[in-house]
Amino acid sequence: MKKQLPYFESETECKNYLEALRWPNGVISPFDEYSKIYLCKGEKFRCRNTGKYFNVRTGTLFSNSRLSLNNWTDLLNQAWQGNIDVKWIAEQYNLSLKSAYLIHQKLLSVIEMEKTEQPTAEQFTLADWLFQIKN
């Protein structure tokens, strides 16, 4: 059975779902798991021990991306169905071919990680928590 993320009506709904998936027992800093966490403006968190800011995207395949989380979940669903290529991503999301290629590579890495029993450290940091999704 192929994986499938739910459809979200809003970006906030998607963010809340991914936060609950990533941190089922409350927010934990990706920089120091024992640090106290502060909720800041702009839906960001701050790690007390390191002083670094983070959000649900930090340390995942969504990091440093201008695509909305809704777009990412749509792309993941398409990738899991095997219906995705660079040109389609570029046209669908109005991106350059270079940006679409980089996104495509990230998605392929996610799919490849599912196939391997022992993911590499690089693959693990790319989408470590995303694979808690079960059908």
N, C-alpha and C. Protein backbone atom coordinates (compact mmCIF):
# COMPACT_ATOMS: atom_id res chain seq x y z
N MET A 1 0.83 -1.18 0.00
CA MET A 1 0.00 0.00 0.00
C MET A 1 0.88 1.25 0.00
N LYS A 2 0.54 2.18 -0.86
CA LYS A 2 1.33 3.40 -0.96
C LYS A 2 0.92 4.40 0.11
N LYS A 3 1.88 5.22 0.52
CA LYS A 3 1.61 6.23 1.53
C LYS A 3 0.84 7.38 0.92
N GLN A 4 0.08 8.03 1.76
CA GLN A 4 -0.71 9.16 1.31
C GLN A 4 -0.90 10.13 2.47
N LEU A 5 -0.56 11.38 2.25
CA LEU A 5 -0.82 12.43 3.24
C LEU A 5 -2.22 12.97 3.00
N PRO A 6 -2.90 13.40 4.05
CA PRO A 6 -4.24 13.96 3.86
C PRO A 6 -4.20 15.29 3.13
N TYR A 7 -5.35 15.66 2.58
CA TYR A 7 -5.49 16.98 1.96
C TYR A 7 -5.78 17.99 3.07
N PHE A 8 -5.17 19.16 3.00
CA PHE A 8 -5.37 20.19 4.01
C PHE A 8 -6.03 21.41 3.39
N GLU A 9 -7.02 21.95 4.09
CA GLU A 9 -7.73 23.14 3.63
C GLU A 9 -6.87 24.39 3.72
N SER A 10 -5.97 24.43 4.70
CA SER A 10 -5.16 25.64 4.89
C SER A 10 -3.73 25.27 5.25
N GLU A 11 -2.86 26.26 5.11
CA GLU A 11 -1.45 26.08 5.46
C GLU A 11 -1.30 25.84 6.97
N THR A 12 -2.11 26.50 7.77
CA THR A 12 -2.06 26.34 9.22
C THR A 12 -2.45 24.92 9.63
N GLU A 13 -3.48 24.40 8.99
CA GLU A 13 -3.91 23.03 9.26
C GLU A 13 -2.79 22.04 8.91
N CYS A 14 -2.13 22.26 7.80
CA CYS A 14 -1.02 21.41 7.38
C CYS A 14 0.14 21.51 8.37
N LYS A 15 0.48 22.73 8.77
CA LYS A 15 1.57 22.95 9.73
C LYS A 15 1.27 22.26 11.05
N ASN A 16 0.04 22.39 11.53
CA ASN A 16 -0.34 21.75 12.80
C ASN A 16 -0.25 20.23 12.71
N TYR A 17 -0.66 19.68 11.57
CA TYR A 17 -0.56 18.23 11.37
C TYR A 17 0.89 17.77 11.39
N LEU A 18 1.75 18.48 10.68
CA LEU A 18 3.16 18.11 10.61
C LEU A 18 3.86 18.31 11.95
N GLU A 19 3.47 19.34 12.70
CA GLU A 19 4.03 19.54 14.04
C GLU A 19 3.65 18.38 14.95
N ALA A 20 2.39 17.96 14.89
CA ALA A 20 1.93 16.83 15.72
C ALA A 20 2.64 15.54 15.32
N LEU A 21 2.91 15.40 14.04
CA LEU A 21 3.61 14.21 13.55
C LEU A 21 5.07 14.22 13.98
N ARG A 22 5.69 15.36 13.90
CA ARG A 22 7.11 15.47 14.25
C ARG A 22 7.34 15.45 15.76
N TRP A 23 6.46 16.11 16.50
CA TRP A 23 6.63 16.22 17.95
C TRP A 23 5.38 15.74 18.67
N PRO A 24 5.11 14.45 18.69
CA PRO A 24 3.87 13.95 19.32
C PRO A 24 3.80 14.22 20.82
N ASN A 25 4.93 14.38 21.48
CA ASN A 25 4.95 14.62 22.93
C ASN A 25 5.36 16.05 23.27
N GLY A 26 5.18 16.97 22.34
CA GLY A 26 5.56 18.36 22.56
C GLY A 26 6.81 18.72 21.78
N VAL A 27 6.97 19.99 21.50
CA VAL A 27 8.08 20.49 20.68
C VAL A 27 9.42 20.22 21.35
N ILE A 28 10.36 19.70 20.57
CA ILE A 28 11.73 19.44 21.02
C ILE A 28 12.67 20.15 20.06
N SER A 29 13.65 20.83 20.59
CA SER A 29 14.62 21.54 19.76
C SER A 29 15.46 20.56 18.95
N PRO A 30 15.64 20.82 17.65
CA PRO A 30 16.53 19.98 16.85
C PRO A 30 18.00 20.24 17.17
N PHE A 31 18.28 21.27 17.95
CA PHE A 31 19.65 21.64 18.29
C PHE A 31 20.08 21.11 19.65
N ASP A 32 19.13 20.98 20.58
CA ASP A 32 19.42 20.49 21.93
C ASP A 32 18.12 19.92 22.51
N GLU A 33 18.03 18.60 22.53
CA GLU A 33 16.78 17.96 22.92
C GLU A 33 16.37 18.20 24.37
N TYR A 34 17.30 18.67 25.20
CA TYR A 34 17.00 18.91 26.62
C TYR A 34 16.70 20.37 26.93
N SER A 35 16.77 21.22 25.94
CA SER A 35 16.60 22.66 26.13
C SER A 35 15.13 23.03 26.33
N LYS A 36 14.91 24.10 27.05
CA LYS A 36 13.59 24.68 27.17
C LYS A 36 13.27 25.37 25.84
N ILE A 37 12.00 25.37 25.46
CA ILE A 37 11.57 25.92 24.18
C ILE A 37 10.64 27.10 24.43
N TYR A 38 10.85 28.17 23.65
CA TYR A 38 9.97 29.34 23.72
C TYR A 38 9.25 29.49 22.39
N LEU A 39 7.96 29.78 22.44
CA LEU A 39 7.19 30.09 21.24
C LEU A 39 7.38 31.56 20.93
N CYS A 40 7.78 31.86 19.70
CA CYS A 40 8.06 33.24 19.29
C CYS A 40 7.08 33.68 18.21
N LYS A 41 7.19 34.91 17.77
CA LYS A 41 6.36 35.43 16.69
C LYS A 41 6.67 34.69 15.40
N GLY A 42 5.70 34.72 14.50
CA GLY A 42 5.92 34.13 13.19
C GLY A 42 5.95 32.62 13.20
N GLU A 43 5.27 32.01 14.17
CA GLU A 43 5.18 30.55 14.26
C GLU A 43 6.54 29.88 14.35
N LYS A 44 7.46 30.53 15.03
CA LYS A 44 8.80 29.96 15.24
C LYS A 44 8.97 29.63 16.71
N PHE A 45 9.93 28.77 16.96
CA PHE A 45 10.30 28.40 18.31
C PHE A 45 11.76 28.81 18.53
N ARG A 46 12.12 28.99 19.79
CA ARG A 46 13.51 29.34 20.11
C ARG A 46 14.04 28.36 21.14
N CYS A 47 15.22 27.83 20.85
CA CYS A 47 15.92 26.92 21.76
C CYS A 47 16.66 27.77 22.79
N ARG A 48 16.35 27.58 24.07
CA ARG A 48 16.97 28.41 25.11
C ARG A 48 18.48 28.18 25.18
N ASN A 49 18.92 26.94 25.13
CA ASN A 49 20.35 26.62 25.31
C ASN A 49 21.23 27.11 24.16
N THR A 50 20.71 27.06 22.94
CA THR A 50 21.53 27.46 21.79
C THR A 50 21.17 28.85 21.28
N GLY A 51 19.99 29.34 21.60
CA GLY A 51 19.54 30.63 21.10
C GLY A 51 19.09 30.60 19.65
N LYS A 52 19.02 29.41 19.07
CA LYS A 52 18.64 29.28 17.66
C LYS A 52 17.13 29.17 17.52
N TYR A 53 16.64 29.70 16.40
CA TYR A 53 15.22 29.63 16.08
C TYR A 53 14.98 28.44 15.16
N PHE A 54 13.79 27.86 15.24
CA PHE A 54 13.44 26.74 14.38
C PHE A 54 11.92 26.67 14.23
N ASN A 55 11.50 25.88 13.25
CA ASN A 55 10.08 25.61 13.05
C ASN A 55 9.93 24.18 12.55
N VAL A 56 8.74 23.82 12.12
CA VAL A 56 8.49 22.44 11.70
C VAL A 56 9.31 22.06 10.46
N ARG A 57 9.74 23.02 9.68
CA ARG A 57 10.54 22.75 8.48
C ARG A 57 12.01 22.46 8.78
N THR A 58 12.52 22.96 9.89
CA THR A 58 13.95 22.88 10.21
C THR A 58 14.45 21.44 10.21
N GLY A 59 15.49 21.19 9.43
CA GLY A 59 16.11 19.88 9.39
C GLY A 59 15.34 18.84 8.60
N THR A 60 14.40 19.28 7.77
CA THR A 60 13.62 18.34 6.96
C THR A 60 13.79 18.68 5.48
N LEU A 61 13.13 17.92 4.63
CA LEU A 61 13.21 18.23 3.21
C LEU A 61 12.50 19.54 2.88
N PHE A 62 11.70 20.08 3.81
CA PHE A 62 11.02 21.35 3.59
C PHE A 62 11.92 22.55 3.89
N SER A 63 13.08 22.33 4.48
CA SER A 63 13.97 23.42 4.89
C SER A 63 14.37 24.29 3.70
N ASN A 64 14.48 25.58 3.95
CA ASN A 64 14.96 26.54 2.96
C ASN A 64 14.18 26.49 1.65
N SER A 65 12.90 26.26 1.74
CA SER A 65 12.05 26.19 0.56
C SER A 65 10.96 27.24 0.64
N ARG A 66 10.68 27.86 -0.48
CA ARG A 66 9.60 28.84 -0.53
C ARG A 66 8.26 28.19 -0.81
N LEU A 67 8.27 26.93 -1.18
CA LEU A 67 7.01 26.24 -1.42
C LEU A 67 6.25 26.10 -0.11
N SER A 68 4.94 26.22 -0.18
CA SER A 68 4.13 26.06 1.02
C SER A 68 4.15 24.59 1.45
N LEU A 69 3.81 24.37 2.70
CA LEU A 69 3.73 22.99 3.19
C LEU A 69 2.64 22.22 2.45
N ASN A 70 1.55 22.90 2.08
CA ASN A 70 0.51 22.26 1.29
C ASN A 70 1.06 21.76 -0.05
N ASN A 71 1.88 22.59 -0.70
CA ASN A 71 2.48 22.17 -1.97
C ASN A 71 3.41 20.98 -1.76
N TRP A 72 4.18 21.01 -0.67
CA TRP A 72 5.08 19.89 -0.38
C TRP A 72 4.29 18.60 -0.15
N THR A 73 3.19 18.68 0.58
CA THR A 73 2.41 17.45 0.82
C THR A 73 1.82 16.93 -0.48
N ASP A 74 1.37 17.85 -1.35
CA ASP A 74 0.88 17.42 -2.67
C ASP A 74 1.99 16.74 -3.47
N LEU A 75 3.18 17.34 -3.45
CA LEU A 75 4.32 16.76 -4.17
C LEU A 75 4.69 15.38 -3.63
N LEU A 76 4.68 15.23 -2.31
CA LEU A 76 4.98 13.92 -1.71
C LEU A 76 3.96 12.88 -2.14
N ASN A 77 2.69 13.25 -2.14
CA ASN A 77 1.65 12.31 -2.58
C ASN A 77 1.86 11.91 -4.04
N GLN A 78 2.19 12.88 -4.88
CA GLN A 78 2.47 12.58 -6.29
C GLN A 78 3.69 11.67 -6.43
N ALA A 79 4.73 11.95 -5.65
CA ALA A 79 5.95 11.14 -5.72
C ALA A 79 5.68 9.71 -5.28
N TRP A 80 4.90 9.53 -4.22
CA TRP A 80 4.59 8.18 -3.74
C TRP A 80 3.76 7.41 -4.77
N GLN A 81 2.99 8.13 -5.60
CA GLN A 81 2.23 7.47 -6.65
C GLN A 81 3.07 7.23 -7.90
N GLY A 82 4.26 7.83 -7.94
CA GLY A 82 5.15 7.65 -9.09
C GLY A 82 4.82 8.58 -10.25
N ASN A 83 4.00 9.59 -10.02
CA ASN A 83 3.56 10.51 -11.08
C ASN A 83 4.26 11.85 -10.99
N ILE A 84 5.57 11.86 -11.10
CA ILE A 84 6.25 13.14 -10.92
C ILE A 84 7.52 13.20 -11.77
N ASP A 85 7.73 14.35 -12.39
CA ASP A 85 8.99 14.58 -13.09
C ASP A 85 9.34 16.07 -12.99
N VAL A 86 10.54 16.40 -13.38
CA VAL A 86 11.06 17.76 -13.20
C VAL A 86 10.22 18.78 -13.96
N LYS A 87 9.90 18.49 -15.20
CA LYS A 87 9.14 19.44 -16.02
C LYS A 87 7.76 19.69 -15.42
N TRP A 88 7.11 18.65 -14.94
CA TRP A 88 5.79 18.80 -14.33
C TRP A 88 5.86 19.69 -13.09
N ILE A 89 6.88 19.48 -12.25
CA ILE A 89 7.04 20.31 -11.04
C ILE A 89 7.23 21.77 -11.43
N ALA A 90 8.08 22.01 -12.42
CA ALA A 90 8.36 23.39 -12.86
C ALA A 90 7.09 24.07 -13.37
N GLU A 91 6.31 23.36 -14.17
CA GLU A 91 5.09 23.94 -14.73
C GLU A 91 4.00 24.11 -13.67
N GLN A 92 3.82 23.11 -12.84
CA GLN A 92 2.75 23.12 -11.84
C GLN A 92 2.94 24.21 -10.79
N TYR A 93 4.18 24.44 -10.38
CA TYR A 93 4.46 25.38 -9.29
C TYR A 93 5.19 26.63 -9.74
N ASN A 94 5.24 26.84 -11.06
CA ASN A 94 5.85 28.03 -11.64
C ASN A 94 7.28 28.25 -11.13
N LEU A 95 8.10 27.21 -11.27
CA LEU A 95 9.49 27.24 -10.81
C LEU A 95 10.44 27.13 -11.99
N SER A 96 11.67 27.54 -11.76
CA SER A 96 12.70 27.31 -12.78
C SER A 96 12.99 25.81 -12.83
N LEU A 97 13.56 25.37 -13.94
CA LEU A 97 13.91 23.95 -14.05
C LEU A 97 14.94 23.55 -13.00
N LYS A 98 15.84 24.47 -12.67
CA LYS A 98 16.84 24.16 -11.65
C LYS A 98 16.19 23.92 -10.29
N SER A 99 15.27 24.80 -9.90
CA SER A 99 14.56 24.61 -8.62
C SER A 99 13.73 23.34 -8.64
N ALA A 100 13.05 23.10 -9.75
CA ALA A 100 12.25 21.88 -9.87
C ALA A 100 13.13 20.64 -9.79
N TYR A 101 14.31 20.70 -10.39
CA TYR A 101 15.24 19.58 -10.33
C TYR A 101 15.67 19.31 -8.89
N LEU A 102 15.99 20.36 -8.13
CA LEU A 102 16.42 20.18 -6.74
C LEU A 102 15.30 19.58 -5.89
N ILE A 103 14.08 20.04 -6.11
CA ILE A 103 12.94 19.48 -5.39
C ILE A 103 12.75 18.02 -5.78
N HIS A 104 12.87 17.74 -7.06
CA HIS A 104 12.73 16.36 -7.55
C HIS A 104 13.76 15.45 -6.89
N GLN A 105 14.99 15.94 -6.76
CA GLN A 105 16.05 15.15 -6.11
C GLN A 105 15.70 14.87 -4.65
N LYS A 106 15.17 15.86 -3.95
CA LYS A 106 14.76 15.65 -2.56
C LYS A 106 13.66 14.59 -2.48
N LEU A 107 12.70 14.68 -3.38
CA LEU A 107 11.60 13.71 -3.38
C LEU A 107 12.11 12.30 -3.69
N LEU A 108 13.03 12.20 -4.65
CA LEU A 108 13.60 10.89 -4.96
C LEU A 108 14.36 10.32 -3.77
N SER A 109 15.01 11.18 -3.02
CA SER A 109 15.73 10.75 -1.82
C SER A 109 14.76 10.18 -0.79
N VAL A 110 13.60 10.80 -0.66
CA VAL A 110 12.58 10.29 0.26
C VAL A 110 12.10 8.91 -0.17
N ILE A 111 11.82 8.77 -1.46
CA ILE A 111 11.35 7.48 -1.99
C ILE A 111 12.43 6.42 -1.82
N GLU A 112 13.67 6.77 -2.10
CA GLU A 112 14.79 5.83 -1.96
C GLU A 112 14.97 5.41 -0.51
N MET A 113 14.79 6.35 0.40
CA MET A 113 14.95 6.03 1.82
C MET A 113 13.93 4.99 2.27
N GLU A 114 12.74 5.04 1.70
CA GLU A 114 11.72 4.05 2.03
C GLU A 114 12.14 2.65 1.60
N LYS A 115 12.88 2.57 0.51
CA LYS A 115 13.27 1.27 -0.04
C LYS A 115 14.43 0.64 0.71
N THR A 116 15.28 1.45 1.32
CA THR A 116 16.45 0.93 2.02
C THR A 116 16.12 0.66 3.48
N GLU A 117 16.65 -0.41 4.00
CA GLU A 117 16.41 -0.76 5.40
C GLU A 117 17.23 0.14 6.33
N GLN A 118 18.45 0.48 5.93
CA GLN A 118 19.33 1.30 6.75
C GLN A 118 19.64 2.60 6.00
N PRO A 119 18.86 3.67 6.25
CA PRO A 119 19.13 4.92 5.55
C PRO A 119 20.47 5.52 5.97
N THR A 120 21.08 6.24 5.05
CA THR A 120 22.32 6.93 5.37
C THR A 120 22.01 8.10 6.29
N ALA A 121 23.04 8.64 6.94
CA ALA A 121 22.84 9.77 7.84
C ALA A 121 22.26 10.96 7.08
N GLU A 122 22.71 11.17 5.84
CA GLU A 122 22.21 12.29 5.04
C GLU A 122 20.73 12.11 4.73
N GLN A 123 20.34 10.90 4.35
CA GLN A 123 18.94 10.64 4.07
C GLN A 123 18.10 10.78 5.33
N PHE A 124 18.63 10.34 6.45
CA PHE A 124 17.88 10.37 7.70
C PHE A 124 17.56 11.80 8.10
N THR A 125 18.51 12.70 7.98
CA THR A 125 18.25 14.09 8.35
C THR A 125 17.32 14.77 7.36
N LEU A 126 17.25 14.26 6.15
CA LEU A 126 16.40 14.87 5.14
C LEU A 126 14.92 14.75 5.49
N ALA A 127 14.51 13.60 5.97
CA ALA A 127 13.08 13.41 6.27
C ALA A 127 12.88 12.40 7.37
N ASP A 128 13.66 12.49 8.42
CA ASP A 128 13.64 11.48 9.47
C ASP A 128 12.26 11.24 10.05
N TRP A 129 11.55 12.27 10.36
CA TRP A 129 10.28 12.12 11.05
C TRP A 129 9.12 11.88 10.11
N LEU A 130 9.31 12.12 8.83
CA LEU A 130 8.21 12.01 7.88
C LEU A 130 7.71 10.58 7.74
N PHE A 131 8.55 9.63 8.04
CA PHE A 131 8.19 8.24 7.81
C PHE A 131 7.44 7.61 8.97
N GLN A 132 6.95 8.42 9.87
CA GLN A 132 6.05 7.93 10.89
C GLN A 132 4.65 7.80 10.31
N ILE A 133 4.47 8.31 9.09
CA ILE A 133 3.17 8.25 8.44
C ILE A 133 2.89 6.81 8.04
N LYS A 134 1.78 6.32 8.48
CA LYS A 134 1.40 4.94 8.16
C LYS A 134 0.01 4.96 7.53
N ASN A 135 -0.21 4.01 6.63
CA ASN A 135 -1.56 3.85 6.06
C ASN A 135 -2.26 2.72 6.75
